[in-house]
Protein backbone atom coordinates (compact mmCIF):
# COMPACT_ATOMS: atom_id res chain seq x y z
CA MET A 1 -14.77 66.10 -22.48
CA SER A 2 -13.19 63.27 -20.53
CA SER A 3 -10.75 60.65 -21.84
CA GLN A 4 -9.99 56.96 -20.86
CA PRO A 5 -6.82 56.74 -18.69
CA SER A 6 -3.83 55.04 -20.28
CA THR A 7 -2.87 51.46 -19.17
CA GLY A 8 0.72 51.78 -20.32
CA GLY A 9 3.50 49.58 -18.97
CA ALA A 10 5.18 46.33 -19.90
CA ALA A 11 3.04 43.30 -20.79
CA ALA A 12 2.51 40.69 -18.00
CA GLU A 13 5.27 38.10 -17.78
CA PRO A 14 4.30 34.53 -18.83
CA VAL A 15 3.85 32.13 -15.94
CA CYS A 16 3.46 28.35 -15.71
CA PRO A 17 -0.26 27.41 -15.46
CA ARG A 18 0.54 24.76 -12.82
CA HIS A 19 2.84 27.07 -10.85
CA PRO A 20 1.59 30.66 -11.28
CA ASP A 21 4.41 31.98 -9.10
CA ARG A 22 7.04 30.87 -11.63
CA VAL A 23 7.87 32.94 -14.69
CA SER A 24 8.77 30.92 -17.77
CA TYR A 25 9.57 31.97 -21.33
CA VAL A 26 9.78 28.34 -22.46
CA ARG A 27 6.59 27.08 -24.07
CA CYS A 28 5.16 23.59 -24.60
CA GLN A 29 5.58 22.52 -28.23
CA ARG A 30 2.07 21.10 -28.25
CA CYS A 31 -0.23 23.51 -26.39
CA GLU A 32 2.16 26.51 -26.48
CA ARG A 33 1.54 27.39 -22.84
CA PRO A 34 4.45 28.54 -20.66
CA VAL A 35 6.05 25.63 -18.81
CA CYS A 36 8.42 25.86 -15.84
CA PRO A 37 11.46 23.55 -15.49
CA GLU A 38 9.59 21.22 -13.09
CA CYS A 39 6.76 20.67 -15.58
CA GLN A 40 8.95 20.30 -18.66
CA ARG A 41 9.27 16.94 -20.36
CA ALA A 42 11.72 16.33 -23.19
CA ALA A 43 10.09 15.81 -26.59
CA ALA A 44 11.44 14.95 -30.04
CA VAL A 45 11.68 18.69 -30.63
CA GLY A 46 11.80 21.04 -27.65
CA VAL A 47 9.76 20.24 -24.57
CA GLN A 48 6.15 19.44 -23.65
CA CYS A 49 4.23 20.08 -20.47
CA VAL A 50 3.21 17.24 -18.15
CA ASP A 51 -0.48 17.68 -19.05
CA CYS A 52 0.14 17.15 -22.76
CA VAL A 53 2.40 14.15 -22.10
CA ARG A 54 -0.28 12.60 -19.88
CA GLU A 55 -2.94 13.19 -22.51
CA GLN A 56 -0.83 11.54 -25.20
CA ASN A 57 -0.10 8.51 -23.03
CA LYS A 58 -3.80 7.81 -22.60
CA GLY A 59 -3.98 6.63 -26.18
CA VAL A 60 -0.82 4.50 -26.02
CA ARG A 61 -1.39 0.79 -25.42
CA THR A 62 0.90 -0.87 -22.89
CA ALA A 63 3.20 -3.42 -24.52
CA ARG A 64 2.61 -6.89 -23.08
CA THR A 65 4.30 -10.27 -23.19
CA PRO A 66 2.55 -13.21 -24.91
CA PHE A 67 1.18 -14.18 -21.48
CA GLY A 68 -0.34 -10.83 -20.50
CA ALA A 69 2.37 -9.19 -18.38
CA ALA A 70 3.34 -5.58 -18.98
CA VAL A 71 6.71 -5.37 -20.72
CA THR A 72 9.36 -3.82 -18.49
CA GLN A 73 12.84 -2.84 -19.56
CA GLY A 74 15.40 -3.85 -16.95
CA GLY A 75 12.80 -4.26 -14.20
CA ARG A 76 14.03 -5.87 -10.99
CA PRO A 77 12.68 -9.40 -10.28
CA VAL A 78 11.02 -8.20 -7.09
CA VAL A 79 9.08 -11.39 -6.39
CA THR A 80 12.07 -13.67 -6.95
CA LEU A 81 14.27 -11.56 -4.68
CA THR A 82 11.54 -11.42 -2.02
CA ILE A 83 11.15 -15.22 -1.98
CA ILE A 84 14.91 -15.67 -1.71
CA GLY A 85 14.98 -13.15 1.14
CA LEU A 86 12.14 -14.88 2.99
CA CYS A 87 13.83 -18.26 2.68
CA ALA A 88 17.14 -16.82 3.89
CA VAL A 89 15.51 -15.17 6.91
CA ALA A 90 13.58 -18.37 7.71
CA TRP A 91 16.79 -20.43 7.54
CA LEU A 92 18.55 -18.04 9.93
CA LEU A 93 15.61 -18.31 12.32
CA GLN A 94 15.90 -22.09 12.11
CA GLN A 95 19.54 -21.83 13.16
CA VAL A 96 18.63 -19.65 16.12
CA ASN A 97 15.62 -21.69 17.22
CA SER A 98 15.07 -25.25 15.98
CA GLN A 99 11.44 -25.03 17.10
CA VAL A 100 10.77 -23.04 13.93
CA THR A 101 11.45 -26.19 11.91
CA VAL A 102 9.27 -28.30 14.20
CA ASP A 103 6.33 -25.86 14.05
CA PHE A 104 6.32 -25.06 10.32
CA SER A 105 7.69 -28.11 8.49
CA PHE A 106 5.22 -30.29 6.59
CA TYR A 107 4.37 -33.28 8.76
CA PRO A 108 1.68 -35.52 7.21
CA PRO A 109 -0.03 -36.42 10.54
CA TYR A 110 -0.72 -32.66 10.95
CA ALA A 111 -2.10 -32.26 7.42
CA LEU A 112 -5.66 -31.95 8.75
CA SER A 113 -5.13 -30.03 11.96
CA GLU A 114 -2.45 -27.60 10.66
CA PRO A 115 -2.91 -27.33 6.87
CA TRP A 116 -0.85 -24.13 6.59
CA ARG A 117 2.24 -26.34 6.85
CA LEU A 118 1.58 -27.30 3.22
CA LEU A 119 2.95 -23.86 2.28
CA THR A 120 5.17 -22.81 5.18
CA ALA A 121 7.42 -25.84 4.65
CA ALA A 122 8.39 -24.42 1.24
CA PHE A 123 10.19 -21.53 2.94
CA LEU A 124 12.23 -23.71 5.31
CA HIS A 125 15.34 -25.79 4.59
CA SER A 126 17.59 -28.31 6.24
CA GLN A 127 19.23 -26.83 9.33
CA SER A 128 22.31 -29.03 9.02
CA SER A 129 23.00 -28.68 5.29
CA PRO A 130 23.57 -25.18 3.85
CA LEU A 131 23.79 -26.80 0.42
CA HIS A 132 20.06 -27.49 0.57
CA ILE A 133 19.05 -23.82 0.67
CA LEU A 134 21.94 -22.75 -1.58
CA PHE A 135 20.95 -25.15 -4.35
CA ASN A 136 17.25 -24.23 -4.18
CA MET A 137 17.93 -20.50 -4.14
CA TYR A 138 20.34 -20.82 -7.05
CA ALA A 139 17.74 -22.76 -9.05
CA LEU A 140 15.15 -20.12 -8.15
CA TRP A 141 17.47 -17.33 -9.27
CA VAL A 142 18.18 -19.09 -12.59
CA THR A 143 14.51 -19.61 -13.49
CA GLY A 144 12.62 -17.00 -11.47
CA PRO A 145 13.52 -13.68 -13.15
CA TYR A 146 12.79 -15.07 -16.63
CA LEU A 147 9.38 -16.43 -15.66
CA GLU A 148 8.54 -13.38 -13.55
CA GLN A 149 9.21 -11.09 -16.51
CA LEU A 150 7.06 -13.19 -18.87
CA PHE A 151 4.15 -13.86 -16.51
CA GLY A 152 4.23 -10.70 -14.42
CA ARG A 153 4.52 -10.50 -10.65
CA VAL A 154 1.00 -11.56 -9.69
CA ARG A 155 0.94 -14.56 -12.01
CA PHE A 156 4.44 -15.56 -10.92
CA VAL A 157 3.46 -15.45 -7.24
CA ALA A 158 0.48 -17.67 -8.04
CA LEU A 159 2.67 -20.08 -10.02
CA TYR A 160 5.21 -20.36 -7.21
CA LEU A 161 2.73 -20.82 -4.36
CA ILE A 162 0.54 -23.28 -6.24
CA SER A 163 3.64 -25.30 -7.20
CA ALA A 164 4.74 -25.31 -3.55
CA LEU A 165 1.27 -26.52 -2.58
CA GLY A 166 1.42 -29.20 -5.26
CA GLY A 167 4.77 -30.39 -3.92
CA SER A 168 3.43 -30.84 -0.39
CA ILE A 169 0.26 -32.56 -1.58
CA GLY A 170 2.36 -34.77 -3.85
CA TYR A 171 4.28 -35.90 -0.79
CA LEU A 172 1.07 -36.34 1.20
CA VAL A 173 -0.54 -38.47 -1.51
CA LEU A 174 2.47 -40.55 -2.58
CA ALA A 175 4.28 -41.12 0.71
CA SER A 176 3.36 -44.51 2.14
CA ALA A 177 1.26 -44.60 5.30
CA ASP A 178 2.04 -48.29 5.86
CA LEU A 179 3.98 -48.11 9.11
CA GLU A 180 4.71 -51.85 9.21
CA ASN A 181 6.53 -51.94 5.86
CA GLY A 182 8.37 -48.63 6.05
CA SER A 183 6.84 -45.22 5.62
CA GLY A 184 7.67 -41.62 4.85
CA TRP A 185 4.45 -40.63 6.57
CA LEU A 186 6.16 -39.86 9.86
CA THR A 187 9.06 -37.94 8.26
CA PRO A 188 8.74 -34.13 8.28
CA THR A 189 9.77 -32.39 5.06
CA VAL A 190 11.12 -28.90 4.37
CA GLY A 191 12.41 -27.12 1.32
CA ALA A 192 11.47 -25.08 -1.72
CA SER A 193 12.23 -28.05 -3.99
CA GLY A 194 8.58 -28.68 -4.86
CA ALA A 195 8.10 -25.06 -5.91
CA VAL A 196 11.44 -25.04 -7.76
CA PHE A 197 10.47 -28.15 -9.71
CA GLY A 198 7.24 -26.35 -10.53
CA LEU A 199 9.33 -23.53 -12.02
CA PHE A 200 11.36 -26.10 -13.97
CA GLY A 201 8.12 -27.43 -15.42
CA ALA A 202 6.85 -23.93 -16.15
CA PHE A 203 10.15 -23.09 -17.88
CA PHE A 204 9.68 -26.09 -20.17
CA VAL A 205 6.09 -25.11 -21.02
CA VAL A 206 7.11 -21.51 -21.78
CA GLN A 207 9.95 -22.60 -24.06
CA ARG A 208 7.61 -24.88 -25.98
CA ARG A 209 4.93 -22.17 -26.20
CA LEU A 210 7.47 -19.69 -27.62
CA ASN A 211 8.89 -22.32 -30.01
CA ARG A 212 12.28 -22.21 -28.30
CA ASP A 213 14.59 -25.13 -27.60
CA ALA A 214 13.63 -26.91 -24.37
CA THR A 215 16.21 -29.72 -24.47
CA GLN A 216 18.42 -28.23 -21.75
CA VAL A 217 15.42 -27.81 -19.47
CA LEU A 218 14.46 -31.47 -19.90
CA VAL A 219 18.02 -32.56 -19.08
CA LEU A 220 18.02 -30.33 -15.99
CA ILE A 221 14.71 -31.81 -14.82
CA ALA A 222 15.89 -35.37 -15.41
CA ILE A 223 19.18 -34.90 -13.54
CA ASN A 224 17.61 -33.21 -10.54
CA PHE A 225 14.72 -35.65 -10.38
CA ALA A 226 17.18 -38.57 -10.41
CA PHE A 227 18.83 -37.15 -7.30
CA GLY A 228 15.67 -37.99 -5.38
CA PHE A 229 16.31 -41.69 -5.90
CA VAL A 230 20.10 -41.64 -5.45
CA VAL A 231 20.69 -39.19 -2.61
CA PRO A 232 19.10 -40.18 0.73
CA ASN A 233 16.59 -38.02 2.61
CA ILE A 234 15.19 -36.37 -0.54
CA ALA A 235 11.42 -36.39 -0.99
CA TRP A 236 11.01 -37.31 -4.65
CA GLN A 237 7.25 -37.27 -4.12
CA ALA A 238 7.36 -33.52 -3.48
CA HIS A 239 9.52 -33.01 -6.57
CA LEU A 240 7.06 -34.92 -8.73
CA GLY A 241 4.04 -33.14 -7.25
CA GLY A 242 5.62 -29.73 -7.78
CA LEU A 243 6.74 -30.57 -11.31
CA VAL A 244 3.32 -31.76 -12.47
CA THR A 245 1.59 -28.83 -10.77
CA GLY A 246 3.99 -26.32 -12.33
CA VAL A 247 3.45 -27.77 -15.82
CA VAL A 248 -0.34 -27.56 -15.51
CA ALA A 249 -0.27 -24.08 -13.97
CA ALA A 250 2.08 -22.77 -16.65
CA ALA A 251 -0.08 -24.31 -19.38
CA ALA A 252 -3.10 -22.46 -17.97
CA LEU A 253 -1.14 -19.22 -18.10
CA ALA A 254 0.68 -19.71 -21.39
CA TYR A 255 -2.09 -21.16 -23.54
CA ALA A 256 -4.98 -18.95 -22.41
CA PRO A 257 -6.59 -17.26 -25.44
CA ARG A 258 -5.87 -13.57 -25.88
CA ALA A 259 -9.54 -12.69 -25.57
CA ASN A 260 -10.42 -12.58 -21.85
CA ARG A 261 -6.93 -13.89 -21.14
CA THR A 262 -6.73 -12.79 -17.51
CA ALA A 263 -10.12 -14.28 -16.66
CA VAL A 264 -9.28 -17.58 -18.36
CA GLN A 265 -5.93 -17.73 -16.56
CA ALA A 266 -7.59 -17.07 -13.20
CA VAL A 267 -10.18 -19.77 -13.81
CA GLY A 268 -7.50 -22.23 -14.89
CA LEU A 269 -5.40 -21.66 -11.77
CA ALA A 270 -8.47 -21.79 -9.52
CA GLY A 271 -9.46 -25.09 -11.13
CA LEU A 272 -5.99 -26.48 -10.47
CA VAL A 273 -6.20 -25.47 -6.81
CA LEU A 274 -9.56 -27.26 -6.58
CA VAL A 275 -8.01 -30.41 -8.05
CA LEU A 276 -5.21 -30.24 -5.47
CA ALA A 277 -7.77 -29.70 -2.72
CA ALA A 278 -9.71 -32.73 -3.94
CA ALA A 279 -6.54 -34.88 -3.92
CA TYR A 280 -5.84 -33.65 -0.40
CA ALA A 281 -9.37 -34.49 0.77
CA VAL A 282 -9.36 -37.95 -0.81
CA LYS A 283 -6.01 -38.81 0.76
CA ILE A 284 -7.08 -37.56 4.17
CA SER A 285 -10.22 -39.68 3.99
CA THR A 286 -8.23 -42.87 3.30
CA VAL A 287 -5.56 -42.50 5.99
CA PRO A 288 -5.74 -45.28 8.59
CA GLU A 289 -7.33 -44.23 11.86
CA GLY A 290 -4.88 -42.87 14.37
CA LEU A 291 -2.32 -41.51 11.89
CA LEU A 292 -3.89 -38.06 11.66
CA VAL A 293 -3.99 -35.53 14.48
CA PRO A 294 -7.65 -34.42 14.58
CA LEU A 295 -8.77 -30.81 14.38
CA GLY A 296 -8.17 -29.14 17.71
CA GLY A 297 -5.88 -31.98 18.70
């Protein structure tokens, strides 16, 4: 009569399911599987494995601001810092080579043949006055992080660029093309002022939407706008264009209904861009012959 051989010996040591080569006597409080130090995540009591934590997070809704941006605690204002960095680099390039200013400033006669100047001019500043870039970057730093946190990075980028575009088109539309009686048409413009005024306008809209006091913002807008009429060589037309554009863009973002919010915001901003494009086209069509450099010219 034969008998089954004995399988004596110590029981197999517990190993981490994700790392079978690692022995672990610590178990996940949820699934009770062994979990190695790399896969452990602190829980209210004990630890959980990364798989259980991931599964729990699937059912957790991301907290969002009233305007649709994901809530971040202490997140860096990446977009604001990037814009400031780009403007600083552009200004240094202007100091090294003045042709940068000539090639990328907004010059109304080139509005048809080189339309990208409508945006590139917003990243340039006066070569001779450091105060120009310092003031604009300070204003951007004061308003940018707050708006970027509320709107989110993508919406904030759209707000800034559309406001910059509105500033240039405001100058294009409002600057006189009457060369006999004085004109700003032949004066190149640079500066982030149009975009910054757009942020001022957006700041006001946000404060009103959140039922917060907006008096200080109104005073700030009034003081800075008045500079355009008191201080020489300031394009108040760009300030006005950026301000109005920023107000409308922020309204599209801040007052979009919660249902289909992102789609409504996108449509609102796209509609605003179309309105700016229409203003651009109408102005171009009414410019006296010979003032515009033709395409390919």
